[in-house]
Amino acid sequence: MGYGDCTITTCDAGFQMSNGQCVSSDSCDNGTTYACSLSHGSGVRNCSNHAKGPCVATACDANYELVQENGQAVCKPITNGNSKK
């Protein structure tokens, strides 16, 4: 008597089920976007080459503003021109 087909039912930590296979938790379908949280705000992660990219800030919490820093959007405290010396 033979055995039936093997069916995966769970995945190890760091992996998720996708179409009956265990794939990296960062694996995704190209072109898909995912909401994400970051320090003092929220953003999106874009999927490219079946991998989720970094969280890119799109909105900031109260008293923080969205600014460009080193070519990336980040949330920084609103200083209203006041600076600490």
N, C-alpha and C. Protein backbone atom coordinates (compact mmCIF):
# COMPACT_ATOMS: atom_id res chain seq x y z
N MET A 1 0.84 -1.17 0.00
CA MET A 1 0.00 0.00 0.00
C MET A 1 0.89 1.24 0.00
N GLY A 2 0.64 2.18 -0.90
CA GLY A 2 1.46 3.39 -1.03
C GLY A 2 0.96 4.52 -0.14
N TYR A 3 1.72 5.54 -0.12
CA TYR A 3 1.38 6.73 0.65
C TYR A 3 0.75 7.76 -0.27
N GLY A 4 -0.07 8.63 0.32
CA GLY A 4 -0.69 9.71 -0.44
C GLY A 4 0.27 10.89 -0.56
N ASP A 5 -0.18 11.92 -1.21
CA ASP A 5 0.62 13.13 -1.37
C ASP A 5 0.91 13.75 -0.02
N CYS A 6 2.09 14.32 0.13
CA CYS A 6 2.48 15.03 1.34
C CYS A 6 1.88 16.44 1.28
N THR A 7 1.25 16.87 2.37
CA THR A 7 0.66 18.20 2.43
C THR A 7 1.26 18.97 3.59
N ILE A 8 1.81 20.13 3.31
CA ILE A 8 2.38 20.99 4.35
C ILE A 8 1.23 21.67 5.08
N THR A 9 1.25 21.61 6.41
CA THR A 9 0.17 22.23 7.19
C THR A 9 0.66 23.40 8.04
N THR A 10 1.95 23.44 8.39
CA THR A 10 2.49 24.54 9.18
C THR A 10 3.89 24.88 8.67
N CYS A 11 4.34 26.07 9.01
CA CYS A 11 5.68 26.52 8.62
C CYS A 11 6.48 26.91 9.86
N ASP A 12 7.79 26.81 9.75
CA ASP A 12 8.68 27.22 10.84
C ASP A 12 8.61 28.73 11.04
N ALA A 13 9.13 29.18 12.17
CA ALA A 13 9.20 30.62 12.46
C ALA A 13 9.98 31.32 11.34
N GLY A 14 9.50 32.49 10.95
CA GLY A 14 10.14 33.24 9.88
C GLY A 14 9.64 32.90 8.49
N PHE A 15 8.70 31.94 8.44
CA PHE A 15 8.12 31.53 7.16
C PHE A 15 6.60 31.60 7.24
N GLN A 16 5.95 31.71 6.09
CA GLN A 16 4.49 31.73 6.02
C GLN A 16 4.03 30.84 4.87
N MET A 17 2.80 30.38 4.97
CA MET A 17 2.23 29.50 3.95
C MET A 17 1.79 30.35 2.76
N SER A 18 2.19 29.93 1.55
CA SER A 18 1.78 30.59 0.33
C SER A 18 1.61 29.54 -0.75
N ASN A 19 0.38 29.36 -1.22
CA ASN A 19 0.08 28.38 -2.26
C ASN A 19 0.62 26.99 -1.93
N GLY A 20 0.45 26.59 -0.67
CA GLY A 20 0.83 25.25 -0.25
C GLY A 20 2.31 25.05 0.01
N GLN A 21 3.08 26.16 0.01
CA GLN A 21 4.51 26.08 0.28
C GLN A 21 4.89 27.06 1.38
N CYS A 22 5.96 26.74 2.11
CA CYS A 22 6.49 27.66 3.11
C CYS A 22 7.49 28.60 2.43
N VAL A 23 7.24 29.89 2.54
CA VAL A 23 8.11 30.90 1.96
C VAL A 23 8.51 31.89 3.04
N SER A 24 9.58 32.61 2.83
CA SER A 24 10.05 33.62 3.79
C SER A 24 8.91 34.58 4.12
N SER A 25 8.87 35.05 5.37
CA SER A 25 7.85 36.02 5.78
C SER A 25 7.97 37.32 4.99
N ASP A 26 9.14 37.60 4.43
CA ASP A 26 9.32 38.79 3.61
C ASP A 26 8.98 38.55 2.14
N SER A 27 8.61 37.32 1.79
CA SER A 27 8.25 37.00 0.41
C SER A 27 6.89 37.63 0.09
N CYS A 28 6.72 38.09 -1.15
CA CYS A 28 5.47 38.73 -1.53
C CYS A 28 5.30 38.68 -3.04
N ASP A 29 4.13 39.08 -3.50
CA ASP A 29 3.86 39.16 -4.93
C ASP A 29 4.28 40.55 -5.43
N ASN A 30 5.08 40.59 -6.48
CA ASN A 30 5.56 41.87 -7.02
C ASN A 30 4.42 42.84 -7.23
N GLY A 31 4.65 44.11 -6.90
CA GLY A 31 3.65 45.16 -7.08
C GLY A 31 2.71 45.33 -5.90
N THR A 32 2.75 44.41 -4.94
CA THR A 32 1.89 44.50 -3.77
C THR A 32 2.47 45.49 -2.78
N THR A 33 1.61 46.24 -2.08
CA THR A 33 2.07 47.15 -1.03
C THR A 33 1.47 46.71 0.30
N TYR A 34 2.19 46.98 1.37
CA TYR A 34 1.79 46.58 2.72
C TYR A 34 1.90 47.77 3.65
N ALA A 35 0.92 47.95 4.51
CA ALA A 35 1.00 48.99 5.53
C ALA A 35 2.04 48.58 6.56
N CYS A 36 2.72 49.57 7.14
CA CYS A 36 3.71 49.28 8.17
C CYS A 36 3.74 50.41 9.19
N SER A 37 4.30 50.13 10.34
CA SER A 37 4.46 51.11 11.40
C SER A 37 5.92 51.45 11.54
N LEU A 38 6.19 52.69 11.93
CA LEU A 38 7.55 53.08 12.23
C LEU A 38 7.53 54.06 13.38
N SER A 39 8.67 54.42 13.87
CA SER A 39 8.76 55.32 15.01
C SER A 39 8.07 56.64 14.68
N HIS A 40 7.03 56.97 15.40
CA HIS A 40 6.29 58.24 15.28
C HIS A 40 5.52 58.39 13.98
N GLY A 41 5.10 57.27 13.35
CA GLY A 41 4.32 57.40 12.14
C GLY A 41 3.96 56.06 11.51
N SER A 42 3.51 56.14 10.26
CA SER A 42 3.14 54.93 9.51
C SER A 42 3.61 55.10 8.07
N GLY A 43 3.60 53.98 7.35
CA GLY A 43 4.08 54.04 5.98
C GLY A 43 3.66 52.83 5.18
N VAL A 44 4.38 52.58 4.10
CA VAL A 44 4.10 51.44 3.23
C VAL A 44 5.41 50.73 2.89
N ARG A 45 5.29 49.42 2.64
CA ARG A 45 6.40 48.60 2.13
C ARG A 45 5.97 48.12 0.76
N ASN A 46 6.80 48.31 -0.24
CA ASN A 46 6.52 47.87 -1.60
C ASN A 46 7.23 46.55 -1.88
N CYS A 47 6.59 45.69 -2.67
CA CYS A 47 7.18 44.41 -3.02
C CYS A 47 7.87 44.52 -4.38
N SER A 48 9.14 44.11 -4.40
CA SER A 48 9.92 44.10 -5.63
C SER A 48 10.80 42.85 -5.61
N ASN A 49 10.86 42.13 -6.72
CA ASN A 49 11.63 40.88 -6.79
C ASN A 49 11.21 39.90 -5.70
N HIS A 50 9.91 39.87 -5.39
CA HIS A 50 9.30 38.96 -4.42
C HIS A 50 9.83 39.17 -3.00
N ALA A 51 10.29 40.37 -2.68
CA ALA A 51 10.75 40.69 -1.33
C ALA A 51 10.19 42.05 -0.91
N LYS A 52 9.77 42.17 0.35
CA LYS A 52 9.25 43.43 0.87
C LYS A 52 10.41 44.38 1.12
N GLY A 53 10.26 45.60 0.65
CA GLY A 53 11.27 46.63 0.87
C GLY A 53 11.10 47.26 2.24
N PRO A 54 11.89 48.29 2.52
CA PRO A 54 11.81 48.95 3.82
C PRO A 54 10.51 49.73 3.98
N CYS A 55 10.16 50.02 5.22
CA CYS A 55 8.98 50.83 5.51
C CYS A 55 9.29 52.28 5.16
N VAL A 56 8.52 52.86 4.25
CA VAL A 56 8.71 54.24 3.81
C VAL A 56 7.61 55.09 4.44
N ALA A 57 8.01 56.09 5.23
CA ALA A 57 7.05 56.93 5.94
C ALA A 57 6.12 57.66 4.97
N THR A 58 4.83 57.65 5.30
CA THR A 58 3.85 58.39 4.50
C THR A 58 3.01 59.33 5.38
N ALA A 59 2.98 59.10 6.70
CA ALA A 59 2.21 59.94 7.62
C ALA A 59 2.90 59.90 8.99
N CYS A 60 2.79 61.01 9.72
CA CYS A 60 3.45 61.11 11.02
C CYS A 60 2.43 61.38 12.12
N ASP A 61 2.82 60.98 13.35
CA ASP A 61 1.99 61.23 14.52
C ASP A 61 1.91 62.73 14.80
N ALA A 62 1.00 63.12 15.71
CA ALA A 62 0.87 64.52 16.12
C ALA A 62 2.21 65.02 16.63
N ASN A 63 2.52 66.26 16.32
CA ASN A 63 3.76 66.93 16.72
C ASN A 63 5.00 66.42 15.99
N TYR A 64 4.80 65.66 14.91
CA TYR A 64 5.90 65.21 14.05
C TYR A 64 5.56 65.59 12.62
N GLU A 65 6.59 65.80 11.82
CA GLU A 65 6.38 66.15 10.42
C GLU A 65 7.20 65.24 9.52
N LEU A 66 6.69 65.04 8.31
CA LEU A 66 7.34 64.20 7.32
C LEU A 66 8.42 65.03 6.62
N VAL A 67 9.67 64.57 6.70
CA VAL A 67 10.78 65.27 6.07
C VAL A 67 11.66 64.28 5.32
N GLN A 68 12.46 64.80 4.40
CA GLN A 68 13.43 63.98 3.68
C GLN A 68 14.76 64.05 4.42
N GLU A 69 15.32 62.88 4.72
CA GLU A 69 16.61 62.82 5.40
C GLU A 69 17.44 61.71 4.75
N ASN A 70 18.59 62.08 4.21
CA ASN A 70 19.44 61.11 3.51
C ASN A 70 18.68 60.35 2.42
N GLY A 71 17.80 61.08 1.71
CA GLY A 71 17.06 60.49 0.61
C GLY A 71 15.89 59.62 1.01
N GLN A 72 15.52 59.65 2.31
CA GLN A 72 14.40 58.84 2.78
C GLN A 72 13.40 59.72 3.53
N ALA A 73 12.12 59.36 3.42
CA ALA A 73 11.08 60.07 4.16
C ALA A 73 11.07 59.55 5.59
N VAL A 74 11.15 60.47 6.57
CA VAL A 74 11.15 60.10 7.98
C VAL A 74 10.29 61.09 8.76
N CYS A 75 9.88 60.68 9.97
CA CYS A 75 9.10 61.55 10.85
C CYS A 75 10.04 62.16 11.89
N LYS A 76 10.05 63.48 11.95
CA LYS A 76 10.89 64.22 12.90
C LYS A 76 10.00 65.14 13.74
N PRO A 77 10.41 65.43 14.98
CA PRO A 77 9.62 66.35 15.81
C PRO A 77 9.50 67.71 15.14
N ILE A 78 8.34 68.33 15.27
CA ILE A 78 8.16 69.69 14.77
C ILE A 78 8.85 70.63 15.76
N THR A 79 9.77 71.43 15.26
CA THR A 79 10.54 72.29 16.15
C THR A 79 10.08 73.75 16.12
N ASN A 80 9.29 74.14 15.13
CA ASN A 80 8.82 75.53 15.00
C ASN A 80 9.97 76.52 15.06
N GLY A 81 11.12 76.13 14.52
CA GLY A 81 12.26 77.03 14.49
C GLY A 81 13.08 77.03 15.76
N ASN A 82 12.61 76.33 16.79
CA ASN A 82 13.36 76.27 18.04
C ASN A 82 14.39 75.16 17.94
N SER A 83 15.58 75.42 18.35
CA SER A 83 16.59 74.37 18.36
C SER A 83 17.32 74.38 19.68
N LYS A 84 17.74 73.20 20.11
CA LYS A 84 18.48 73.08 21.37
C LYS A 84 19.95 73.30 21.08
N LYS A 85 20.59 74.06 21.94
CA LYS A 85 22.04 74.31 21.77
C LYS A 85 22.77 73.86 22.99
